[in-house]
Amino acid sequence: MPSLFYQRYWDIVGQDVSDLCLRVLNGSDGVNEFNHTLVALIPKVCSPTRISEYRPISLCNVLYKIISKTLANILKKVLLEAERGSRLQGVSIAHSAPSINHLFFAKDSLLFCNAGTTEALELKCIFGVYEAASRQKVNLEKSALCFSPSTPRVLQEGIRQFLNVSLVPCHERYLGLPTIVGKDKKKLFRTVKDRVWNKMNGWQGKLLSKAGKEVLI
C-alpha cells in the first residue's frame, strides 16, 4: 500500500500499524511478512563489475520505513547520550555554538568525533547495537574515514584497521557545498550564486514567469 493510503485511512488502520511497529521494535515480532521490496540497480560507472558500483533504488514497504525511521531516531539519541557521557566528542562551528556528532540526510550518515581509539571503540559498539536492533548491516565498503590534516598518520592507519573501512581525503563537496570551509565565506557561497545565476539566465529561465523562476530556484 502507498503512504497515501495510510494517511487517508489512519483513523481506521492507525492503531493496528502502531501495535505492529511496537511489537517489532520491542522484539516480540519480526519483519519477515513485509520485508520485501523491489530494487533497481542504477550503474554509477560505464562498465560496472561490482555491486558497490551500482546505486540501489528500493521501494520499501511503508511499515518497514516507519520502523527504520524510528530506529534512526533512536540511533540519534544513542549518539547524543554517548556525547553527554563524554564517550564521544562532536564538533562545533564556533566557540559558543553547540557541538554535533552526526548529520543524517536521506541515505547518507555523517559522524563526527575525535580521532582516538577510545571513540573508535565507542562507535563500533554503537554500530553493533544498531545492527542487532535493526537486523541491518552497516555497509563497510561504502563507508569511509576522513581525518583532519593534523592527525598523525600512524593513528589514522590504526583506526582504519580497527573499524575496517577505507581511508579517503576530505570530500571536496557534499550536497553541492564544500566540506572544508576557510575564512573566505564569499568564496564558499560564490558557486551557489553562480549556479542560480546560470539557471536564471539560461534559455529555460528566460521563458519563465517570476513565479516559475522561484520554483526553478
N, C-alpha and C. Protein backbone atom coordinates (compact mmCIF):
# COMPACT_ATOMS: atom_id res chain seq x y z
N MET A 1 0.84 -1.19 0.00
CA MET A 1 0.00 0.00 0.00
C MET A 1 0.89 1.26 0.00
N PRO A 2 0.51 2.28 -0.78
CA PRO A 2 1.29 3.53 -0.75
C PRO A 2 1.05 4.30 0.53
N SER A 3 1.94 5.24 0.80
CA SER A 3 1.82 6.02 2.04
C SER A 3 0.53 6.83 2.09
N LEU A 4 0.01 7.23 0.92
CA LEU A 4 -1.23 7.99 0.88
C LEU A 4 -2.38 7.21 1.49
N PHE A 5 -2.38 5.89 1.31
CA PHE A 5 -3.43 5.05 1.90
C PHE A 5 -3.44 5.18 3.42
N TYR A 6 -2.26 5.11 4.03
CA TYR A 6 -2.17 5.19 5.48
C TYR A 6 -2.54 6.58 5.99
N GLN A 7 -2.18 7.61 5.23
CA GLN A 7 -2.54 8.97 5.62
C GLN A 7 -4.04 9.19 5.57
N ARG A 8 -4.68 8.66 4.54
CA ARG A 8 -6.11 8.91 4.36
C ARG A 8 -6.96 8.08 5.31
N TYR A 9 -6.51 6.87 5.61
CA TYR A 9 -7.32 5.96 6.43
C TYR A 9 -6.65 5.65 7.77
N TRP A 10 -5.87 6.63 8.27
CA TRP A 10 -5.17 6.41 9.53
C TRP A 10 -6.14 6.17 10.70
N ASP A 11 -7.31 6.79 10.66
CA ASP A 11 -8.28 6.59 11.74
C ASP A 11 -8.78 5.14 11.79
N ILE A 12 -8.60 4.41 10.69
CA ILE A 12 -9.04 3.02 10.65
C ILE A 12 -7.88 2.06 10.93
N VAL A 13 -6.73 2.30 10.29
CA VAL A 13 -5.61 1.36 10.38
C VAL A 13 -4.52 1.81 11.34
N GLY A 14 -4.65 3.02 11.87
CA GLY A 14 -3.57 3.59 12.67
C GLY A 14 -3.20 2.76 13.88
N GLN A 15 -4.19 2.27 14.60
CA GLN A 15 -3.91 1.50 15.82
C GLN A 15 -3.22 0.19 15.49
N ASP A 16 -3.66 -0.48 14.43
CA ASP A 16 -3.03 -1.75 14.04
C ASP A 16 -1.58 -1.53 13.59
N VAL A 17 -1.35 -0.44 12.83
CA VAL A 17 0.01 -0.13 12.38
C VAL A 17 0.92 0.15 13.58
N SER A 18 0.41 0.95 14.51
CA SER A 18 1.21 1.29 15.70
C SER A 18 1.54 0.05 16.52
N ASP A 19 0.53 -0.82 16.71
CA ASP A 19 0.75 -2.04 17.50
C ASP A 19 1.80 -2.94 16.84
N LEU A 20 1.71 -3.10 15.52
CA LEU A 20 2.67 -3.95 14.82
C LEU A 20 4.08 -3.39 14.91
N CYS A 21 4.24 -2.08 14.68
CA CYS A 21 5.56 -1.46 14.75
C CYS A 21 6.16 -1.59 16.15
N LEU A 22 5.34 -1.41 17.17
CA LEU A 22 5.83 -1.53 18.54
C LEU A 22 6.25 -2.97 18.85
N ARG A 23 5.50 -3.94 18.34
CA ARG A 23 5.88 -5.34 18.58
C ARG A 23 7.23 -5.65 17.93
N VAL A 24 7.45 -5.13 16.73
CA VAL A 24 8.73 -5.36 16.06
C VAL A 24 9.86 -4.67 16.81
N LEU A 25 9.64 -3.41 17.21
CA LEU A 25 10.68 -2.66 17.91
C LEU A 25 10.99 -3.24 19.29
N ASN A 26 10.00 -3.87 19.91
CA ASN A 26 10.21 -4.47 21.23
C ASN A 26 10.69 -5.91 21.15
N GLY A 27 10.84 -6.44 19.92
CA GLY A 27 11.41 -7.76 19.76
C GLY A 27 10.44 -8.91 19.85
N SER A 28 9.14 -8.64 19.94
CA SER A 28 8.16 -9.73 20.05
C SER A 28 7.60 -10.14 18.70
N ASP A 29 7.99 -9.48 17.64
CA ASP A 29 7.53 -9.82 16.29
C ASP A 29 8.66 -9.52 15.31
N GLY A 30 8.53 -10.04 14.09
CA GLY A 30 9.55 -9.84 13.08
C GLY A 30 9.01 -9.10 11.88
N VAL A 31 9.89 -8.88 10.91
CA VAL A 31 9.51 -8.14 9.71
C VAL A 31 9.46 -9.03 8.47
N ASN A 32 9.48 -10.36 8.68
CA ASN A 32 9.54 -11.28 7.54
C ASN A 32 8.31 -11.16 6.64
N GLU A 33 7.15 -10.84 7.23
CA GLU A 33 5.93 -10.80 6.45
C GLU A 33 5.89 -9.63 5.47
N PHE A 34 6.59 -8.55 5.78
CA PHE A 34 6.53 -7.38 4.89
C PHE A 34 7.91 -6.85 4.53
N ASN A 35 8.94 -7.64 4.80
CA ASN A 35 10.29 -7.23 4.44
C ASN A 35 10.62 -7.66 3.01
N HIS A 36 9.83 -7.17 2.08
CA HIS A 36 10.04 -7.46 0.66
C HIS A 36 10.01 -6.15 -0.09
N THR A 37 10.90 -6.01 -1.04
CA THR A 37 10.96 -4.76 -1.78
C THR A 37 11.53 -5.01 -3.18
N LEU A 38 11.17 -4.15 -4.10
CA LEU A 38 11.75 -4.16 -5.44
C LEU A 38 12.95 -3.22 -5.45
N VAL A 39 14.06 -3.70 -5.98
CA VAL A 39 15.28 -2.91 -6.01
C VAL A 39 15.73 -2.72 -7.46
N ALA A 40 15.95 -1.47 -7.84
CA ALA A 40 16.51 -1.15 -9.15
C ALA A 40 17.96 -0.72 -8.96
N LEU A 41 18.86 -1.35 -9.72
CA LEU A 41 20.29 -1.04 -9.62
C LEU A 41 20.69 -0.13 -10.77
N ILE A 42 21.07 1.10 -10.44
CA ILE A 42 21.45 2.09 -11.43
C ILE A 42 22.98 2.19 -11.46
N PRO A 43 23.61 1.93 -12.60
CA PRO A 43 25.09 1.96 -12.66
C PRO A 43 25.64 3.35 -12.37
N LYS A 44 26.73 3.39 -11.60
CA LYS A 44 27.42 4.64 -11.32
C LYS A 44 28.64 4.83 -12.21
N VAL A 45 29.05 3.76 -12.89
CA VAL A 45 30.19 3.80 -13.81
C VAL A 45 29.75 3.20 -15.15
N CYS A 46 30.61 3.34 -16.16
CA CYS A 46 30.24 2.88 -17.50
C CYS A 46 30.10 1.36 -17.57
N SER A 47 31.05 0.64 -17.01
CA SER A 47 31.02 -0.83 -17.07
C SER A 47 31.16 -1.40 -15.67
N PRO A 48 30.08 -1.44 -14.91
CA PRO A 48 30.17 -1.92 -13.52
C PRO A 48 30.46 -3.41 -13.46
N THR A 49 31.31 -3.78 -12.51
CA THR A 49 31.65 -5.18 -12.29
C THR A 49 31.40 -5.61 -10.84
N ARG A 50 31.16 -4.65 -9.94
CA ARG A 50 30.91 -4.95 -8.53
C ARG A 50 29.59 -4.33 -8.12
N ILE A 51 28.97 -4.91 -7.10
CA ILE A 51 27.69 -4.41 -6.65
C ILE A 51 27.80 -3.00 -6.07
N SER A 52 28.98 -2.65 -5.54
CA SER A 52 29.19 -1.32 -4.99
C SER A 52 29.23 -0.24 -6.07
N GLU A 53 29.33 -0.66 -7.33
CA GLU A 53 29.35 0.30 -8.43
C GLU A 53 27.96 0.60 -8.97
N TYR A 54 26.95 0.11 -8.25
CA TYR A 54 25.56 0.41 -8.58
C TYR A 54 24.94 1.27 -7.48
N ARG A 55 23.98 2.08 -7.86
CA ARG A 55 23.22 2.86 -6.89
C ARG A 55 21.85 2.21 -6.72
N PRO A 56 21.58 1.57 -5.58
CA PRO A 56 20.30 0.88 -5.41
C PRO A 56 19.16 1.85 -5.09
N ILE A 57 18.06 1.70 -5.78
CA ILE A 57 16.84 2.46 -5.50
C ILE A 57 15.78 1.45 -5.10
N SER A 58 15.35 1.50 -3.86
CA SER A 58 14.42 0.50 -3.35
C SER A 58 13.05 1.10 -3.08
N LEU A 59 12.03 0.29 -3.26
CA LEU A 59 10.65 0.67 -2.98
C LEU A 59 10.21 -0.13 -1.75
N CYS A 60 10.62 0.36 -0.59
CA CYS A 60 10.36 -0.37 0.64
C CYS A 60 8.90 -0.25 1.06
N ASN A 61 8.46 -1.26 1.79
CA ASN A 61 7.12 -1.23 2.37
C ASN A 61 7.01 -0.08 3.35
N VAL A 62 5.84 0.55 3.42
CA VAL A 62 5.63 1.70 4.31
C VAL A 62 5.87 1.31 5.77
N LEU A 63 5.40 0.13 6.17
CA LEU A 63 5.60 -0.31 7.55
C LEU A 63 7.09 -0.43 7.87
N TYR A 64 7.85 -0.96 6.92
CA TYR A 64 9.29 -1.09 7.13
C TYR A 64 9.95 0.28 7.24
N LYS A 65 9.47 1.24 6.44
CA LYS A 65 10.02 2.60 6.51
C LYS A 65 9.76 3.23 7.86
N ILE A 66 8.56 3.00 8.40
CA ILE A 66 8.23 3.56 9.73
C ILE A 66 9.18 3.01 10.78
N ILE A 67 9.40 1.69 10.74
CA ILE A 67 10.28 1.06 11.72
C ILE A 67 11.72 1.53 11.55
N SER A 68 12.18 1.63 10.30
CA SER A 68 13.55 2.08 10.03
C SER A 68 13.75 3.51 10.50
N LYS A 69 12.76 4.37 10.25
CA LYS A 69 12.87 5.76 10.68
C LYS A 69 12.90 5.85 12.20
N THR A 70 12.13 5.03 12.87
CA THR A 70 12.15 5.02 14.34
C THR A 70 13.51 4.60 14.86
N LEU A 71 14.11 3.58 14.22
CA LEU A 71 15.44 3.13 14.64
C LEU A 71 16.49 4.21 14.39
N ALA A 72 16.35 4.94 13.29
CA ALA A 72 17.29 6.03 13.01
C ALA A 72 17.18 7.12 14.08
N ASN A 73 15.95 7.42 14.51
CA ASN A 73 15.77 8.41 15.57
C ASN A 73 16.35 7.92 16.89
N ILE A 74 16.23 6.62 17.15
CA ILE A 74 16.82 6.07 18.37
C ILE A 74 18.34 6.14 18.29
N LEU A 75 18.89 5.89 17.10
CA LEU A 75 20.33 5.98 16.92
C LEU A 75 20.83 7.39 17.22
N LYS A 76 20.05 8.39 16.82
CA LYS A 76 20.42 9.77 17.14
C LYS A 76 20.53 9.97 18.66
N LYS A 77 19.56 9.43 19.39
CA LYS A 77 19.57 9.56 20.85
C LYS A 77 20.77 8.84 21.46
N VAL A 78 21.11 7.67 20.89
CA VAL A 78 22.27 6.92 21.39
C VAL A 78 23.54 7.73 21.20
N LEU A 79 23.68 8.38 20.03
CA LEU A 79 24.86 9.19 19.76
C LEU A 79 24.92 10.40 20.69
N LEU A 80 23.77 11.01 20.94
CA LEU A 80 23.74 12.16 21.85
C LEU A 80 24.08 11.75 23.27
N GLU A 81 23.56 10.59 23.70
CA GLU A 81 23.87 10.11 25.05
C GLU A 81 25.35 9.78 25.18
N ALA A 82 25.95 9.27 24.11
CA ALA A 82 27.39 8.97 24.14
C ALA A 82 28.19 10.26 24.29
N GLU A 83 27.72 11.34 23.68
CA GLU A 83 28.43 12.61 23.81
C GLU A 83 28.23 13.20 25.21
N ARG A 84 27.02 13.11 25.73
CA ARG A 84 26.78 13.61 27.10
C ARG A 84 27.60 12.84 28.13
N GLY A 85 27.82 11.56 27.85
CA GLY A 85 28.62 10.74 28.76
C GLY A 85 30.11 10.83 28.49
N SER A 86 30.51 11.77 27.61
CA SER A 86 31.92 12.01 27.28
C SER A 86 32.58 10.81 26.61
N ARG A 87 31.78 9.92 26.02
CA ARG A 87 32.34 8.79 25.28
C ARG A 87 32.59 9.17 23.81
N LEU A 88 31.89 10.19 23.34
CA LEU A 88 32.10 10.76 22.02
C LEU A 88 32.15 12.27 22.15
N GLN A 89 32.93 12.90 21.33
CA GLN A 89 33.00 14.36 21.33
C GLN A 89 32.75 14.87 19.92
N GLY A 90 31.70 15.68 19.77
CA GLY A 90 31.36 16.21 18.45
C GLY A 90 32.22 17.41 18.08
N VAL A 91 31.78 18.13 17.07
CA VAL A 91 32.49 19.31 16.59
C VAL A 91 31.58 20.52 16.70
N SER A 92 32.18 21.70 16.82
CA SER A 92 31.44 22.96 16.88
C SER A 92 31.96 23.89 15.79
N ILE A 93 31.07 24.66 15.21
CA ILE A 93 31.47 25.59 14.16
C ILE A 93 31.94 26.92 14.74
N ALA A 94 31.70 27.13 16.05
CA ALA A 94 32.14 28.34 16.73
C ALA A 94 32.28 28.04 18.20
N HIS A 95 32.98 28.92 18.93
CA HIS A 95 33.23 28.67 20.35
C HIS A 95 31.94 28.60 21.16
N SER A 96 30.95 29.41 20.81
CA SER A 96 29.70 29.44 21.57
C SER A 96 28.62 28.56 20.97
N ALA A 97 28.93 27.87 19.88
CA ALA A 97 27.93 27.05 19.20
C ALA A 97 27.87 25.66 19.83
N PRO A 98 26.70 25.02 19.80
CA PRO A 98 26.60 23.65 20.32
C PRO A 98 27.36 22.68 19.42
N SER A 99 27.83 21.61 19.98
CA SER A 99 28.56 20.61 19.21
C SER A 99 27.59 19.60 18.61
N ILE A 100 27.98 19.03 17.49
CA ILE A 100 27.19 17.99 16.85
C ILE A 100 28.10 16.81 16.57
N ASN A 101 27.55 15.60 16.66
CA ASN A 101 28.35 14.41 16.36
C ASN A 101 27.76 13.59 15.22
N HIS A 102 26.67 14.08 14.60
CA HIS A 102 26.12 13.35 13.47
C HIS A 102 25.26 14.27 12.60
N LEU A 103 25.17 13.92 11.34
CA LEU A 103 24.24 14.54 10.39
C LEU A 103 23.65 13.42 9.56
N PHE A 104 22.33 13.29 9.60
CA PHE A 104 21.64 12.27 8.81
C PHE A 104 20.87 12.97 7.71
N PHE A 105 21.10 12.57 6.46
CA PHE A 105 20.39 13.13 5.33
C PHE A 105 20.11 12.03 4.33
N ALA A 106 18.81 11.70 4.16
CA ALA A 106 18.40 10.64 3.23
C ALA A 106 19.19 9.37 3.53
N LYS A 107 19.98 8.91 2.58
CA LYS A 107 20.72 7.65 2.77
C LYS A 107 22.12 7.88 3.30
N ASP A 108 22.51 9.13 3.53
CA ASP A 108 23.86 9.44 3.98
C ASP A 108 23.89 9.72 5.48
N SER A 109 24.92 9.26 6.13
CA SER A 109 25.11 9.48 7.56
C SER A 109 26.53 9.97 7.78
N LEU A 110 26.68 11.15 8.37
CA LEU A 110 27.99 11.70 8.68
C LEU A 110 28.16 11.71 10.19
N LEU A 111 29.23 11.10 10.68
CA LEU A 111 29.52 11.04 12.11
C LEU A 111 30.80 11.80 12.39
N PHE A 112 30.80 12.58 13.48
CA PHE A 112 31.96 13.39 13.85
C PHE A 112 32.41 13.00 15.25
N CYS A 113 33.72 12.83 15.42
CA CYS A 113 34.26 12.54 16.74
C CYS A 113 35.76 12.81 16.72
N ASN A 114 36.38 12.73 17.90
CA ASN A 114 37.82 12.88 17.99
C ASN A 114 38.52 11.65 17.41
N ALA A 115 39.70 11.87 16.88
CA ALA A 115 40.49 10.77 16.33
C ALA A 115 41.22 10.08 17.47
N GLY A 116 40.64 9.00 17.96
CA GLY A 116 41.25 8.25 19.05
C GLY A 116 40.68 6.85 19.12
N THR A 117 41.43 5.94 19.72
CA THR A 117 40.97 4.55 19.79
C THR A 117 39.75 4.40 20.70
N THR A 118 39.64 5.24 21.74
CA THR A 118 38.51 5.13 22.66
C THR A 118 37.20 5.45 21.96
N GLU A 119 37.19 6.53 21.19
CA GLU A 119 35.97 6.93 20.50
C GLU A 119 35.70 6.00 19.31
N ALA A 120 36.73 5.47 18.70
CA ALA A 120 36.53 4.48 17.64
C ALA A 120 35.87 3.23 18.19
N LEU A 121 36.27 2.82 19.38
CA LEU A 121 35.66 1.66 20.03
C LEU A 121 34.20 1.94 20.36
N GLU A 122 33.90 3.15 20.81
CA GLU A 122 32.52 3.52 21.12
C GLU A 122 31.66 3.48 19.87
N LEU A 123 32.18 3.99 18.76
CA LEU A 123 31.44 3.94 17.50
C LEU A 123 31.16 2.51 17.07
N LYS A 124 32.16 1.65 17.21
CA LYS A 124 31.98 0.25 16.82
C LYS A 124 30.91 -0.42 17.68
N CYS A 125 30.87 -0.09 18.96
CA CYS A 125 29.85 -0.64 19.85
C CYS A 125 28.46 -0.15 19.46
N ILE A 126 28.36 1.14 19.10
CA ILE A 126 27.07 1.70 18.69
C ILE A 126 26.60 1.04 17.39
N PHE A 127 27.53 0.80 16.47
CA PHE A 127 27.16 0.11 15.24
C PHE A 127 26.63 -1.29 15.53
N GLY A 128 27.26 -1.97 16.47
CA GLY A 128 26.82 -3.31 16.83
C GLY A 128 25.42 -3.31 17.42
N VAL A 129 25.14 -2.32 18.28
CA VAL A 129 23.80 -2.22 18.87
C VAL A 129 22.76 -1.94 17.79
N TYR A 130 23.11 -1.05 16.85
CA TYR A 130 22.18 -0.73 15.76
C TYR A 130 21.91 -1.95 14.89
N GLU A 131 22.96 -2.71 14.57
CA GLU A 131 22.78 -3.89 13.72
C GLU A 131 21.92 -4.94 14.40
N ALA A 132 22.11 -5.11 15.71
CA ALA A 132 21.31 -6.09 16.45
C ALA A 132 19.84 -5.67 16.53
N ALA A 133 19.60 -4.36 16.67
CA ALA A 133 18.22 -3.88 16.81
C ALA A 133 17.49 -3.82 15.48
N SER A 134 18.20 -3.43 14.42
CA SER A 134 17.55 -3.22 13.12
C SER A 134 17.64 -4.42 12.19
N ARG A 135 18.52 -5.39 12.53
CA ARG A 135 18.78 -6.53 11.65
C ARG A 135 19.33 -6.07 10.30
N GLN A 136 20.00 -4.93 10.30
CA GLN A 136 20.65 -4.39 9.12
C GLN A 136 22.16 -4.30 9.38
N LYS A 137 22.95 -4.57 8.36
CA LYS A 137 24.39 -4.49 8.49
C LYS A 137 24.88 -3.14 7.97
N VAL A 138 25.83 -2.57 8.67
CA VAL A 138 26.49 -1.36 8.19
C VAL A 138 27.38 -1.74 7.01
N ASN A 139 27.19 -1.09 5.88
CA ASN A 139 27.96 -1.40 4.68
C ASN A 139 29.33 -0.76 4.79
N LEU A 140 30.32 -1.56 5.18
CA LEU A 140 31.67 -1.04 5.37
C LEU A 140 32.34 -0.67 4.06
N GLU A 141 31.94 -1.31 2.96
CA GLU A 141 32.54 -0.99 1.67
C GLU A 141 32.16 0.41 1.21
N LYS A 142 30.98 0.88 1.63
CA LYS A 142 30.53 2.21 1.24
C LYS A 142 30.80 3.24 2.34
N SER A 143 31.47 2.82 3.40
CA SER A 143 31.82 3.74 4.48
C SER A 143 33.25 4.23 4.29
N ALA A 144 33.55 5.38 4.84
CA ALA A 144 34.89 5.95 4.66
C ALA A 144 35.25 6.81 5.86
N LEU A 145 36.55 6.89 6.13
CA LEU A 145 37.09 7.73 7.19
C LEU A 145 37.78 8.94 6.60
N CYS A 146 37.64 10.06 7.29
CA CYS A 146 38.30 11.29 6.86
C CYS A 146 38.85 11.98 8.10
N PHE A 147 40.15 12.28 8.11
CA PHE A 147 40.80 12.88 9.27
C PHE A 147 41.25 14.30 8.94
N SER A 148 41.43 15.06 9.98
CA SER A 148 42.00 16.40 9.82
C SER A 148 43.48 16.26 9.49
N PRO A 149 44.08 17.25 8.83
CA PRO A 149 45.50 17.15 8.45
C PRO A 149 46.44 16.99 9.63
N SER A 150 46.03 17.42 10.81
CA SER A 150 46.92 17.35 11.97
C SER A 150 46.95 15.97 12.62
N THR A 151 46.11 15.05 12.19
CA THR A 151 46.07 13.71 12.79
C THR A 151 47.28 12.89 12.32
N PRO A 152 48.05 12.31 13.24
CA PRO A 152 49.22 11.51 12.84
C PRO A 152 48.82 10.35 11.93
N ARG A 153 49.67 10.08 10.98
CA ARG A 153 49.39 9.02 10.01
C ARG A 153 49.26 7.66 10.67
N VAL A 154 50.08 7.43 11.69
CA VAL A 154 50.03 6.14 12.38
C VAL A 154 48.68 5.94 13.06
N LEU A 155 48.16 7.01 13.68
CA LEU A 155 46.85 6.93 14.34
C LEU A 155 45.74 6.70 13.31
N GLN A 156 45.83 7.38 12.16
CA GLN A 156 44.84 7.19 11.11
C GLN A 156 44.78 5.73 10.66
N GLU A 157 45.95 5.16 10.44
CA GLU A 157 46.00 3.78 9.96
C GLU A 157 45.49 2.81 11.02
N GLY A 158 45.78 3.10 12.30
CA GLY A 158 45.30 2.22 13.37
C GLY A 158 43.78 2.22 13.47
N ILE A 159 43.18 3.40 13.38
CA ILE A 159 41.72 3.49 13.45
C ILE A 159 41.09 2.86 12.21
N ARG A 160 41.74 3.05 11.07
CA ARG A 160 41.21 2.46 9.84
C ARG A 160 41.16 0.93 9.94
N GLN A 161 42.23 0.34 10.44
CA GLN A 161 42.26 -1.10 10.58
C GLN A 161 41.25 -1.58 11.62
N PHE A 162 41.08 -0.81 12.69
CA PHE A 162 40.16 -1.22 13.75
C PHE A 162 38.71 -1.20 13.27
N LEU A 163 38.33 -0.16 12.53
CA LEU A 163 36.96 -0.05 12.03
C LEU A 163 36.76 -0.79 10.70
N ASN A 164 37.86 -1.15 10.05
CA ASN A 164 37.80 -1.91 8.80
C ASN A 164 37.06 -1.15 7.69
N VAL A 165 37.36 0.13 7.56
CA VAL A 165 36.79 0.95 6.49
C VAL A 165 37.92 1.67 5.77
N SER A 166 37.60 2.17 4.59
CA SER A 166 38.63 2.81 3.77
C SER A 166 38.94 4.21 4.28
N LEU A 167 40.15 4.66 4.00
CA LEU A 167 40.60 5.99 4.38
C LEU A 167 40.65 6.86 3.12
N VAL A 168 39.96 7.99 3.14
CA VAL A 168 39.89 8.85 1.96
C VAL A 168 40.25 10.28 2.37
N PRO A 169 40.70 11.10 1.42
CA PRO A 169 40.89 12.53 1.72
C PRO A 169 39.54 13.17 2.01
N CYS A 170 39.57 14.32 2.61
CA CYS A 170 38.32 15.02 2.91
C CYS A 170 37.55 15.27 1.63
N HIS A 171 36.27 14.95 1.67
CA HIS A 171 35.44 15.12 0.48
C HIS A 171 35.41 16.59 0.06
N GLU A 172 35.56 16.82 -1.24
CA GLU A 172 35.57 18.19 -1.71
C GLU A 172 34.19 18.84 -1.57
N ARG A 173 33.13 18.06 -1.87
CA ARG A 173 31.79 18.63 -1.82
C ARG A 173 30.82 17.62 -1.26
N TYR A 174 29.79 18.14 -0.59
CA TYR A 174 28.69 17.31 -0.12
C TYR A 174 27.42 18.14 -0.25
N LEU A 175 26.44 17.61 -0.99
CA LEU A 175 25.19 18.33 -1.28
C LEU A 175 25.47 19.65 -1.97
N GLY A 176 26.52 19.68 -2.80
CA GLY A 176 26.80 20.86 -3.59
C GLY A 176 27.66 21.91 -2.91
N LEU A 177 28.02 21.71 -1.64
CA LEU A 177 28.82 22.69 -0.91
C LEU A 177 30.13 22.06 -0.44
N PRO A 178 31.19 22.85 -0.33
CA PRO A 178 32.48 22.32 0.16
C PRO A 178 32.36 21.83 1.60
N THR A 179 33.03 20.74 1.91
CA THR A 179 33.01 20.22 3.27
C THR A 179 34.02 20.94 4.17
N ILE A 180 35.05 21.53 3.57
CA ILE A 180 36.04 22.29 4.34
C ILE A 180 35.89 23.76 4.01
N VAL A 181 35.67 24.56 5.04
CA VAL A 181 35.40 25.98 4.85
C VAL A 181 36.52 26.79 5.49
N GLY A 182 37.08 27.69 4.74
CA GLY A 182 38.10 28.58 5.28
C GLY A 182 37.49 29.87 5.79
N LYS A 183 38.29 30.91 5.84
CA LYS A 183 37.81 32.19 6.34
C LYS A 183 37.03 32.98 5.28
N ASP A 184 37.22 32.63 4.03
CA ASP A 184 36.57 33.36 2.95
C ASP A 184 35.17 32.81 2.72
N LYS A 185 34.16 33.39 3.39
CA LYS A 185 32.78 32.92 3.26
C LYS A 185 32.20 33.30 1.91
N LYS A 186 32.66 34.39 1.31
CA LYS A 186 32.15 34.77 -0.01
C LYS A 186 32.50 33.72 -1.05
N LYS A 187 33.72 33.20 -0.95
CA LYS A 187 34.15 32.16 -1.88
C LYS A 187 33.32 30.90 -1.70
N LEU A 188 32.92 30.62 -0.46
CA LEU A 188 32.14 29.42 -0.16
C LEU A 188 30.82 29.42 -0.91
N PHE A 189 30.09 30.55 -0.86
CA PHE A 189 28.77 30.60 -1.46
C PHE A 189 28.77 31.17 -2.88
N ARG A 190 29.95 31.48 -3.40
CA ARG A 190 30.01 32.03 -4.75
C ARG A 190 29.53 31.01 -5.78
N THR A 191 29.88 29.73 -5.55
CA THR A 191 29.46 28.71 -6.50
C THR A 191 27.94 28.55 -6.52
N VAL A 192 27.30 28.67 -5.34
CA VAL A 192 25.84 28.59 -5.28
C VAL A 192 25.22 29.75 -6.05
N LYS A 193 25.77 30.94 -5.84
CA LYS A 193 25.27 32.12 -6.55
C LYS A 193 25.43 31.96 -8.06
N ASP A 194 26.59 31.44 -8.48
CA ASP A 194 26.84 31.26 -9.91
C ASP A 194 25.88 30.24 -10.52
N ARG A 195 25.61 29.17 -9.79
CA ARG A 195 24.70 28.15 -10.31
C ARG A 195 23.29 28.70 -10.47
N VAL A 196 22.83 29.45 -9.47
CA VAL A 196 21.49 30.06 -9.56
C VAL A 196 21.44 31.06 -10.71
N TRP A 197 22.50 31.87 -10.85
CA TRP A 197 22.54 32.89 -11.91
C TRP A 197 22.52 32.23 -13.29
N ASN A 198 23.24 31.13 -13.45
CA ASN A 198 23.26 30.43 -14.74
C ASN A 198 21.89 29.84 -15.07
N LYS A 199 21.20 29.33 -14.04
CA LYS A 199 19.86 28.81 -14.29
C LYS A 199 18.90 29.90 -14.70
N MET A 200 19.01 31.04 -14.01
CA MET A 200 18.09 32.14 -14.29
C MET A 200 18.31 32.72 -15.68
N ASN A 201 19.55 32.69 -16.17
CA ASN A 201 19.88 33.30 -17.44
C ASN A 201 19.92 32.30 -18.59
N GLY A 202 19.62 31.04 -18.30
CA GLY A 202 19.54 30.06 -19.36
C GLY A 202 18.28 30.26 -20.19
N TRP A 203 18.19 29.54 -21.29
CA TRP A 203 17.04 29.74 -22.18
C TRP A 203 15.74 29.31 -21.51
N GLN A 204 15.81 28.33 -20.59
CA GLN A 204 14.60 27.93 -19.88
C GLN A 204 14.16 29.01 -18.90
N GLY A 205 15.15 29.61 -18.19
CA GLY A 205 14.82 30.63 -17.20
C GLY A 205 14.24 31.88 -17.82
N LYS A 206 14.69 32.24 -19.02
CA LYS A 206 14.20 33.46 -19.67
C LYS A 206 12.74 33.34 -20.07
N LEU A 207 12.25 32.13 -20.30
CA LEU A 207 10.88 31.93 -20.73
C LEU A 207 9.91 31.78 -19.56
N LEU A 208 10.42 31.77 -18.34
CA LEU A 208 9.56 31.55 -17.18
C LEU A 208 9.07 32.87 -16.60
N SER A 209 7.90 32.80 -15.96
CA SER A 209 7.39 33.94 -15.22
C SER A 209 8.15 34.09 -13.91
N LYS A 210 7.84 35.14 -13.15
CA LYS A 210 8.51 35.35 -11.86
C LYS A 210 8.24 34.19 -10.91
N ALA A 211 6.98 33.71 -10.90
CA ALA A 211 6.64 32.57 -10.04
C ALA A 211 7.37 31.31 -10.50
N GLY A 212 7.47 31.16 -11.85
CA GLY A 212 8.17 30.00 -12.38
C GLY A 212 9.65 30.01 -12.03
N LYS A 213 10.26 31.19 -12.00
CA LYS A 213 11.67 31.29 -11.64
C LYS A 213 11.88 30.94 -10.17
N GLU A 214 10.93 31.30 -9.32
CA GLU A 214 11.03 30.92 -7.91
C GLU A 214 11.02 29.40 -7.74
N VAL A 215 10.16 28.74 -8.53
CA VAL A 215 10.11 27.27 -8.47
C VAL A 215 11.41 26.67 -8.99
N LEU A 216 11.97 27.27 -10.05
CA LEU A 216 13.22 26.80 -10.62
C LEU A 216 14.35 26.88 -9.63
N ILE A 217 14.41 27.97 -8.85
CA ILE A 217 15.45 28.13 -7.84
C ILE A 217 15.28 27.11 -6.73
